[in-house]
C-alpha atoms as a PDB file:
ATOM      1  CA  UNK A   1     -36.322 -84.448-167.010  1.00  0.00           C
ATOM      2  CA  UNK A   2     -33.575 -82.042-166.051  1.00  0.00           C
ATOM      3  CA  UNK A   3     -34.357 -79.702-168.941  1.00  0.00           C
ATOM      4  CA  UNK A   4     -38.058 -79.671-167.975  1.00  0.00           C
ATOM      5  CA  UNK A   5     -37.154 -78.274-164.528  1.00  0.00           C
ATOM      6  CA  UNK A   6     -33.773 -76.669-165.246  1.00  0.00           C
ATOM      7  CA  UNK A   7     -33.731 -73.230-163.527  1.00  0.00           C
ATOM      8  CA  UNK A   8     -30.880 -72.197-165.837  1.00  0.00           C
ATOM      9  CA  UNK A   9     -32.640 -73.100-169.077  1.00  0.00           C
ATOM     10  CA  UNK A  10     -31.971 -70.642-171.884  1.00  0.00           C
ATOM     11  CA  UNK A  11     -34.776 -68.109-172.256  1.00  0.00           C
ATOM     12  CA  UNK A  12     -36.798 -67.552-175.418  1.00  0.00           C
ATOM     13  CA  UNK A  13     -35.378 -65.216-178.048  1.00  0.00           C
ATOM     14  CA  UNK A  14     -37.604 -63.221-180.385  1.00  0.00           C
ATOM     15  CA  UNK A  15     -38.228 -65.228-183.543  1.00  0.00           C
ATOM     16  CA  UNK A  16     -36.716 -68.521-182.343  1.00  0.00           C
ATOM     17  CA  UNK A  17     -38.623 -71.804-182.577  1.00  0.00           C
ATOM     18  CA  UNK A  18     -39.954 -71.540-179.004  1.00  0.00           C
ATOM     19  CA  UNK A  19     -41.360 -68.112-179.783  1.00  0.00           C
ATOM     20  CA  UNK A  20     -42.994 -69.527-182.906  1.00  0.00           C
ATOM     21  CA  UNK A  21     -44.472 -72.381-180.860  1.00  0.00           C
ATOM     22  CA  UNK A  22     -46.019 -69.905-178.423  1.00  0.00           C
ATOM     23  CA  UNK A  23     -47.470 -67.744-181.205  1.00  0.00           C
ATOM     24  CA  UNK A  24     -48.827 -70.790-183.028  1.00  0.00           C
ATOM     25  CA  UNK A  25     -50.277 -72.084-179.766  1.00  0.00           C
ATOM     26  CA  UNK A  26     -52.221 -68.920-178.961  1.00  0.00           C
ATOM     27  CA  UNK A  27     -53.433 -68.766-182.579  1.00  0.00           C
ATOM     28  CA  UNK A  28     -54.838 -72.297-182.236  1.00  0.00           C
ATOM     29  CA  UNK A  29     -56.480 -71.425-178.918  1.00  0.00           C
ATOM     30  CA  UNK A  30     -58.171 -68.357-180.422  1.00  0.00           C
ATOM     31  CA  UNK A  31     -59.297 -70.348-183.467  1.00  0.00           C
ATOM     32  CA  UNK A  32     -60.922 -72.984-181.251  1.00  0.00           C
ATOM     33  CA  UNK A  33     -62.481 -70.294-179.093  1.00  0.00           C
ATOM     34  CA  UNK A  34     -64.281 -68.702-182.041  1.00  0.00           C
ATOM     35  CA  UNK A  35     -65.110 -72.062-183.592  1.00  0.00           C
ATOM     36  CA  UNK A  36     -66.977 -73.121-180.448  1.00  0.00           C
ATOM     37  CA  UNK A  37     -68.355 -69.682-179.535  1.00  0.00           C
ATOM     38  CA  UNK A  38     -71.991 -70.807-179.789  1.00  0.00           C
ATOM     39  CA  UNK A  39     -71.419 -73.673-177.378  1.00  0.00           C
ATOM     40  CA  UNK A  40     -69.714 -71.219-175.015  1.00  0.00           C
ATOM     41  CA  UNK A  41     -72.716 -68.864-175.200  1.00  0.00           C
ATOM     42  CA  UNK A  42     -75.104 -71.706-174.432  1.00  0.00           C
ATOM     43  CA  UNK A  43     -73.186 -72.939-171.354  1.00  0.00           C
ATOM     44  CA  UNK A  44     -71.911 -69.852-169.476  1.00  0.00           C
ATOM     45  CA  UNK A  45     -72.012 -71.475-166.045  1.00  0.00           C
ATOM     46  CA  UNK A  46     -69.967 -74.509-167.032  1.00  0.00           C
ATOM     47  CA  UNK A  47     -67.519 -72.389-169.027  1.00  0.00           C
ATOM     48  CA  UNK A  48     -66.859 -69.971-166.160  1.00  0.00           C
ATOM     49  CA  UNK A  49     -66.402 -72.894-163.769  1.00  0.00           C
ATOM     50  CA  UNK A  50     -63.899 -74.345-166.214  1.00  0.00           C
ATOM     51  CA  UNK A  51     -62.065 -70.993-166.285  1.00  0.00           C
ATOM     52  CA  UNK A  52     -61.913 -71.000-162.476  1.00  0.00           C
ATOM     53  CA  UNK A  53     -60.474 -74.524-162.376  1.00  0.00           C
ATOM     54  CA  UNK A  54     -57.953 -73.698-165.112  1.00  0.00           C
ATOM     55  CA  UNK A  55     -56.813 -70.539-163.300  1.00  0.00           C
ATOM     56  CA  UNK A  56     -56.341 -72.419-160.024  1.00  0.00           C
ATOM     57  CA  UNK A  57     -54.420 -75.213-161.776  1.00  0.00           C
ATOM     58  CA  UNK A  58     -52.181 -72.620-163.445  1.00  0.00           C
ATOM     59  CA  UNK A  59     -51.314 -71.091-160.086  1.00  0.00           C
ATOM     60  CA  UNK A  60     -50.570 -74.557-158.680  1.00  0.00           C
ATOM     61  CA  UNK A  61     -48.269 -75.385-161.616  1.00  0.00           C
ATOM     62  CA  UNK A  62     -46.400 -72.109-161.224  1.00  0.00           C
ATOM     63  CA  UNK A  63     -45.960 -72.359-157.461  1.00  0.00           C
ATOM     64  CA  UNK A  64     -45.053 -76.065-157.672  1.00  0.00           C
ATOM     65  CA  UNK A  65     -42.132 -75.325-159.974  1.00  0.00           C
ATOM     66  CA  UNK A  66     -40.586 -72.797-157.588  1.00  0.00           C
ATOM     67  CA  UNK A  67     -41.124 -75.149-154.655  1.00  0.00           C
ATOM     68  CA  UNK A  68     -39.515 -78.076-156.522  1.00  0.00           C
ATOM     69  CA  UNK A  69     -36.407 -76.095-157.523  1.00  0.00           C
ATOM     70  CA  UNK A  70     -36.203 -74.352-154.145  1.00  0.00           C
ATOM     71  CA  UNK A  71     -36.777 -70.814-155.415  1.00  0.00           C
ATOM     72  CA  UNK A  72     -40.114 -70.030-153.813  1.00  0.00           C
ATOM     73  CA  UNK A  73     -39.220 -66.526-152.655  1.00  0.00           C
ATOM     74  CA  UNK A  74     -40.722 -63.112-153.329  1.00  0.00           C
ATOM     75  CA  UNK A  75     -37.702 -62.093-155.398  1.00  0.00           C
ATOM     76  CA  UNK A  76     -37.535 -65.291-157.478  1.00  0.00           C
ATOM     77  CA  UNK A  77     -41.130 -66.410-157.932  1.00  0.00           C
ATOM     78  CA  UNK A  78     -42.558 -62.850-158.155  1.00  0.00           C
ATOM     79  CA  UNK A  79     -46.108 -63.802-157.064  1.00  0.00           C
ATOM     80  CA  UNK A  80     -47.309 -60.224-157.638  1.00  0.00           C
ATOM     81  CA  UNK A  81     -46.156 -59.955-161.259  1.00  0.00           C
ATOM     82  CA  UNK A  82     -48.967 -58.187-163.113  1.00  0.00           C
ATOM     83  CA  UNK A  83     -50.157 -61.158-165.184  1.00  0.00           C
ATOM     84  CA  UNK A  84     -50.230 -63.288-162.039  1.00  0.00           C
ATOM     85  CA  UNK A  85     -52.282 -60.588-160.351  1.00  0.00           C
ATOM     86  CA  UNK A  86     -54.700 -60.768-163.300  1.00  0.00           C
ATOM     87  CA  UNK A  87     -55.033 -64.519-162.708  1.00  0.00           C
ATOM     88  CA  UNK A  88     -55.912 -63.873-159.056  1.00  0.00           C
ATOM     89  CA  UNK A  89     -58.498 -61.307-160.210  1.00  0.00           C
ATOM     90  CA  UNK A  90     -60.031 -63.865-162.594  1.00  0.00           C
ATOM     91  CA  UNK A  91     -60.403 -66.278-159.675  1.00  0.00           C
ATOM     92  CA  UNK A  92     -61.905 -63.567-157.467  1.00  0.00           C
ATOM     93  CA  UNK A  93     -64.292 -62.446-160.216  1.00  0.00           C
ATOM     94  CA  UNK A  94     -65.880 -65.892-160.323  1.00  0.00           C
ATOM     95  CA  UNK A  95     -67.203 -65.216-156.814  1.00  0.00           C
ATOM     96  CA  UNK A  96     -67.764 -61.425-156.668  1.00  0.00           C
ATOM     97  CA  UNK A  97     -69.069 -60.848-160.233  1.00  0.00           C
ATOM     98  CA  UNK A  98     -68.292 -57.108-160.489  1.00  0.00           C
ATOM     99  CA  UNK A  99     -68.506 -55.449-163.910  1.00  0.00           C
ATOM    100  CA  UNK A 100     -65.660 -53.039-163.162  1.00  0.00           C
ATOM    101  CA  UNK A 101     -63.394 -55.979-162.342  1.00  0.00           C
ATOM    102  CA  UNK A 102     -63.854 -57.343-165.862  1.00  0.00           C
ATOM    103  CA  UNK A 103     -62.588 -53.985-167.132  1.00  0.00           C
ATOM    104  CA  UNK A 104     -59.465 -54.158-164.960  1.00  0.00           C
ATOM    105  CA  UNK A 105     -58.816 -57.763-165.988  1.00  0.00           C
ATOM    106  CA  UNK A 106     -58.981 -56.775-169.653  1.00  0.00           C
ATOM    107  CA  UNK A 107     -56.743 -53.706-169.467  1.00  0.00           C
ATOM    108  CA  UNK A 108     -54.195 -55.246-167.109  1.00  0.00           C
ATOM    109  CA  UNK A 109     -54.322 -58.314-169.321  1.00  0.00           C
ATOM    110  CA  UNK A 110     -53.024 -56.356-172.326  1.00  0.00           C
ATOM    111  CA  UNK A 111     -49.546 -57.167-171.025  1.00  0.00           C
ATOM    112  CA  UNK A 112     -50.213 -60.811-171.933  1.00  0.00           C
ATOM    113  CA  UNK A 113     -50.337 -59.806-175.602  1.00  0.00           C
ATOM    114  CA  UNK A 114     -47.044 -57.970-175.166  1.00  0.00           C
ATOM    115  CA  UNK A 115     -45.484 -61.072-173.581  1.00  0.00           C
ATOM    116  CA  UNK A 116     -46.303 -63.165-176.642  1.00  0.00           C
ATOM    117  CA  UNK A 117     -45.064 -60.528-179.083  1.00  0.00           C
ATOM    118  CA  UNK A 118     -41.965 -59.509-177.105  1.00  0.00           C
ATOM    119  CA  UNK A 119     -41.007 -62.333-174.708  1.00  0.00           C
ATOM    120  CA  UNK A 120     -38.655 -61.228-171.911  1.00  0.00           C
ATOM    121  CA  UNK A 121     -37.113 -63.852-169.635  1.00  0.00           C
ATOM    122  CA  UNK A 122     -39.562 -66.542-170.799  1.00  0.00           C
ATOM    123  CA  UNK A 123     -38.656 -70.226-170.458  1.00  0.00           C
ATOM    124  CA  UNK A 124     -38.760 -72.645-173.428  1.00  0.00           C
ATOM    125  CA  UNK A 125     -42.049 -74.192-174.499  1.00  0.00           C
ATOM    126  CA  UNK A 126     -41.147 -77.644-173.126  1.00  0.00           C
ATOM    127  CA  UNK A 127     -40.053 -76.292-169.748  1.00  0.00           C
ATOM    128  CA  UNK A 128     -42.395 -76.409-166.742  1.00  0.00           C
ATOM    129  CA  UNK A 129     -42.267 -72.624-166.468  1.00  0.00           C
ATOM    130  CA  UNK A 130     -42.879 -72.370-170.214  1.00  0.00           C
ATOM    131  CA  UNK A 131     -46.051 -74.425-169.856  1.00  0.00           C
ATOM    132  CA  UNK A 132     -47.057 -72.260-166.904  1.00  0.00           C
ATOM    133  CA  UNK A 133     -46.373 -69.143-168.994  1.00  0.00           C
ATOM    134  CA  UNK A 134     -48.555 -70.353-171.852  1.00  0.00           C
ATOM    135  CA  UNK A 135     -51.377 -71.389-169.524  1.00  0.00           C
ATOM    136  CA  UNK A 136     -51.363 -68.036-167.753  1.00  0.00           C
ATOM    137  CA  UNK A 137     -51.102 -65.709-170.722  1.00  0.00           C
ATOM    138  CA  UNK A 138     -53.492 -67.608-172.980  1.00  0.00           C
ATOM    139  CA  UNK A 139     -56.026 -67.603-170.117  1.00  0.00           C
ATOM    140  CA  UNK A 140     -55.684 -63.834-169.741  1.00  0.00           C
ATOM    141  CA  UNK A 141     -56.191 -63.247-173.473  1.00  0.00           C
ATOM    142  CA  UNK A 142     -59.107 -65.664-173.766  1.00  0.00           C
ATOM    143  CA  UNK A 143     -60.960 -64.582-170.617  1.00  0.00           C
ATOM    144  CA  UNK A 144     -62.381 -61.221-171.840  1.00  0.00           C
ATOM    145  CA  UNK A 145     -63.504 -62.847-175.093  1.00  0.00           C
ATOM    146  CA  UNK A 146     -65.357 -65.508-173.144  1.00  0.00           C
ATOM    147  CA  UNK A 147     -66.919 -62.789-170.976  1.00  0.00           C
ATOM    148  CA  UNK A 148     -68.085 -61.113-174.179  1.00  0.00           C
ATOM    149  CA  UNK A 149     -69.661 -64.349-175.400  1.00  0.00           C
ATOM    150  CA  UNK A 150     -71.291 -65.172-172.064  1.00  0.00           C
ATOM    151  CA  UNK A 151     -72.051 -61.766-170.484  1.00  0.00           C
ATOM    152  CA  UNK A 152     -71.757 -59.196-173.266  1.00  0.00           C
ATOM    153  CA  UNK A 153     -68.611 -57.648-171.826  1.00  0.00           C
ATOM    154  CA  UNK A 154     -67.108 -54.795-173.857  1.00  0.00           C
ATOM    155  CA  UNK A 155     -64.052 -52.769-172.741  1.00  0.00           C
ATOM    156  CA  UNK A 156     -65.100 -49.194-171.994  1.00  0.00           C
ATOM    157  CA  UNK A 157     -63.433 -45.794-171.833  1.00  0.00           C
ATOM    158  CA  UNK A 158     -64.470 -45.498-168.190  1.00  0.00           C
ATOM    159  CA  UNK A 159     -62.877 -48.881-167.557  1.00  0.00           C
ATOM    160  CA  UNK A 160     -59.619 -47.672-169.088  1.00  0.00           C
ATOM    161  CA  UNK A 161     -59.501 -44.728-166.650  1.00  0.00           C
ATOM    162  CA  UNK A 162     -60.309 -46.982-163.693  1.00  0.00           C
ATOM    163  CA  UNK A 163     -57.600 -49.414-164.784  1.00  0.00           C
ATOM    164  CA  UNK A 164     -55.073 -46.605-165.303  1.00  0.00           C
ATOM    165  CA  UNK A 165     -55.618 -45.384-161.741  1.00  0.00           C
ATOM    166  CA  UNK A 166     -55.314 -48.885-160.298  1.00  0.00           C
ATOM    167  CA  UNK A 167     -52.223 -49.516-162.415  1.00  0.00           C
ATOM    168  CA  UNK A 168     -50.611 -46.357-161.015  1.00  0.00           C
ATOM    169  CA  UNK A 169     -51.258 -47.729-157.517  1.00  0.00           C
ATOM    170  CA  UNK A 170     -49.880 -51.128-158.505  1.00  0.00           C
ATOM    171  CA  UNK A 171     -46.755 -49.724-160.149  1.00  0.00           C
ATOM    172  CA  UNK A 172     -46.035 -47.464-157.173  1.00  0.00           C
ATOM    173  CA  UNK A 173     -46.407 -50.382-154.770  1.00  0.00           C
ATOM    174  CA  UNK A 174     -44.162 -52.630-156.852  1.00  0.00           C
ATOM    175  CA  UNK A 175     -41.529 -49.893-157.144  1.00  0.00           C
ATOM    176  CA  UNK A 176     -41.466 -49.512-153.353  1.00  0.00           C
ATOM    177  CA  UNK A 177     -41.210 -53.303-152.995  1.00  0.00           C
ATOM    178  CA  UNK A 178     -38.376 -53.484-155.536  1.00  0.00           C
ATOM    179  CA  UNK A 179     -36.417 -50.837-153.652  1.00  0.00           C
ATOM    180  CA  UNK A 180     -37.026 -52.623-150.355  1.00  0.00           C
ATOM    181  CA  UNK A 181     -36.185 -56.244-151.244  1.00  0.00           C
ATOM    182  CA  UNK A 182     -34.388 -56.081-154.605  1.00  0.00           C
ATOM    183  CA  UNK A 183     -37.145 -57.758-156.628  1.00  0.00           C
ATOM    184  CA  UNK A 184     -37.748 -56.951-160.286  1.00  0.00           C
ATOM    185  CA  UNK A 185     -41.478 -56.368-160.558  1.00  0.00           C
ATOM    186  CA  UNK A 186     -42.440 -54.769-163.842  1.00  0.00           C
ATOM    187  CA  UNK A 187     -38.810 -54.915-164.899  1.00  0.00           C
ATOM    188  CA  UNK A 188     -37.876 -51.680-163.158  1.00  0.00           C
ATOM    189  CA  UNK A 189     -34.554 -53.114-161.954  1.00  0.00           C
ATOM    190  CA  UNK A 190     -33.506 -55.215-164.959  1.00  0.00           C
ATOM    191  CA  UNK A 191     -35.022 -53.357-167.892  1.00  0.00           C
ATOM    192  CA  UNK A 192     -35.586 -54.949-171.303  1.00  0.00           C
ATOM    193  CA  UNK A 193     -35.036 -51.528-172.937  1.00  0.00           C
ATOM    194  CA  UNK A 194     -34.496 -47.802-172.166  1.00  0.00           C
ATOM    195  CA  UNK A 195     -31.454 -48.615-170.035  1.00  0.00           C
ATOM    196  CA  UNK A 196     -30.108 -45.049-170.140  1.00  0.00           C
ATOM    197  CA  UNK A 197     -33.148 -43.391-168.566  1.00  0.00           C
ATOM    198  CA  UNK A 198     -32.991 -42.369-164.922  1.00  0.00           C
ATOM    199  CA  UNK A 199     -35.179 -44.318-162.504  1.00  0.00           C
ATOM    200  CA  UNK A 200     -37.744 -41.518-161.920  1.00  0.00           C
ATOM    201  CA  UNK A 201     -38.116 -40.838-165.658  1.00  0.00           C
ATOM    202  CA  UNK A 202     -38.495 -44.555-166.422  1.00  0.00           C
ATOM    203  CA  UNK A 203     -41.058 -44.905-163.626  1.00  0.00           C
ATOM    204  CA  UNK A 204     -43.270 -42.021-164.761  1.00  0.00           C
ATOM    205  CA  UNK A 205     -42.877 -42.949-168.414  1.00  0.00           C
ATOM    206  CA  UNK A 206     -44.261 -46.378-167.572  1.00  0.00           C
ATOM    207  CA  UNK A 207     -47.066 -44.960-165.471  1.00  0.00           C
ATOM    208  CA  UNK A 208     -48.353 -42.325-167.889  1.00  0.00           C
ATOM    209  CA  UNK A 209     -47.410 -44.182-171.071  1.00  0.00           C
ATOM    210  CA  UNK A 210     -49.375 -47.258-170.058  1.00  0.00           C
ATOM    211  CA  UNK A 211     -52.312 -45.150-168.855  1.00  0.00           C
ATOM    212  CA  UNK A 212     -52.363 -43.481-172.266  1.00  0.00           C
ATOM    213  CA  UNK A 213     -52.130 -46.909-173.892  1.00  0.00           C
ATOM    214  CA  UNK A 214     -55.229 -48.067-171.984  1.00  0.00           C
ATOM    215  CA  UNK A 215     -57.179 -45.034-173.192  1.00  0.00           C
ATOM    216  CA  UNK A 216     -56.033 -45.453-176.796  1.00  0.00           C
ATOM    217  CA  UNK A 217     -57.104 -49.115-176.773  1.00  0.00           C
ATOM    218  CA  UNK A 218     -60.493 -48.100-175.347  1.00  0.00           C
ATOM    219  CA  UNK A 219     -60.968 -45.473-178.083  1.00  0.00           C
ATOM    220  CA  UNK A 220     -60.001 -47.945-180.815  1.00  0.00           C
ATOM    221  CA  UNK A 221     -62.483 -50.490-179.459  1.00  0.00           C
ATOM    222  CA  UNK A 222     -65.220 -47.862-179.223  1.00  0.00           C
ATOM    223  CA  UNK A 223     -64.556 -46.741-182.809  1.00  0.00           C
ATOM    224  CA  UNK A 224     -64.576 -50.335-184.021  1.00  0.00           C
ATOM    225  CA  UNK A 225     -67.868 -51.104-182.231  1.00  0.00           C
ATOM    226  CA  UNK A 226     -69.507 -47.939-183.607  1.00  0.00           C
ATOM    227  CA  UNK A 227     -68.355 -48.728-187.150  1.00  0.00           C
ATOM    228  CA  UNK A 228     -69.658 -52.288-186.818  1.00  0.00           C
ATOM    229  CA  UNK A 229     -73.032 -51.070-185.532  1.00  0.00           C
ATOM    230  CA  UNK A 230     -73.283 -48.471-188.285  1.00  0.00           C
ATOM    231  CA  UNK A 231     -72.509 -51.097-190.925  1.00  0.00           C
ATOM    232  CA  UNK A 232     -75.052 -53.490-189.448  1.00  0.00           C
ATOM    233  CA  UNK A 233     -77.776 -50.813-189.361  1.00  0.00           C
ATOM    234  CA  UNK A 234     -76.996 -49.840-192.946  1.00  0.00           C
ATOM    235  CA  UNK A 235     -77.328 -53.447-194.099  1.00  0.00           C
ATOM    236  CA  UNK A 236     -80.645 -53.818-192.254  1.00  0.00           C
ATOM    237  CA  UNK A 237     -82.023 -50.659-193.896  1.00  0.00           C
ATOM    238  CA  UNK A 238     -80.938 -51.889-197.325  1.00  0.00           C
ATOM    239  CA  UNK A 239     -82.666 -55.208-196.695  1.00  0.00           C
ATOM    240  CA  UNK A 240     -85.853 -53.388-195.666  1.00  0.00           C
ATOM    241  CA  UNK A 241     -85.775 -51.290-198.863  1.00  0.00           C
ATOM    242  CA  UNK A 242     -85.245 -54.438-200.928  1.00  0.00           C
ATOM    243  CA  UNK A 243     -88.248 -56.148-199.301  1.00  0.00           C
ATOM    244  CA  UNK A 244     -90.423 -53.085-199.914  1.00  0.00           C
END
């Protein structure tokens, strides 16, 4: 039981068995998601309610761990870490139902993909925080896909600009908070890389680099959608010619 709650448990290293477990886990989740996509489309209300319950449970699991080990502080539990903010937005979206909020959830949620590929400070898979990590980040990855199945959501270029602006606000706020209380939001204090850069350069590189990343992702998605539509239209025309 100690290892399940151990605050000093060794963190995941890239390529170790815990990392493989996480990658295999998200692969299974995505497989099941696409396997049952028609059932998801037919029951949007129940599915979104399930997402709400899952998001709330994830927050309870995360907070409970820090309370149990006595580390429920702003600097230790980091309640405003970006993926946790995305979880709050998913909960809020259930009630407000704003299209622009789906865009922000998707673009902010891209960091969940990065966390699976390049885990930094992540607890082992059989640790309470590891379970919380997997719940949170798999939810963030799955959510936009479910919104596509149930509401036709597609990430847009406009949404990438909106998200970039809001991210700039978020990053600025977290940087001010880090300087004030010594927290490590967005890893500006304890960096996973680029240790030799000065603080201002690192800050603006994050801000503009991530904004550019949002736009690039939006353009790739738009190109992919257009190519898919063009291919579909071409196939339909060929079928019409064949029937004639």
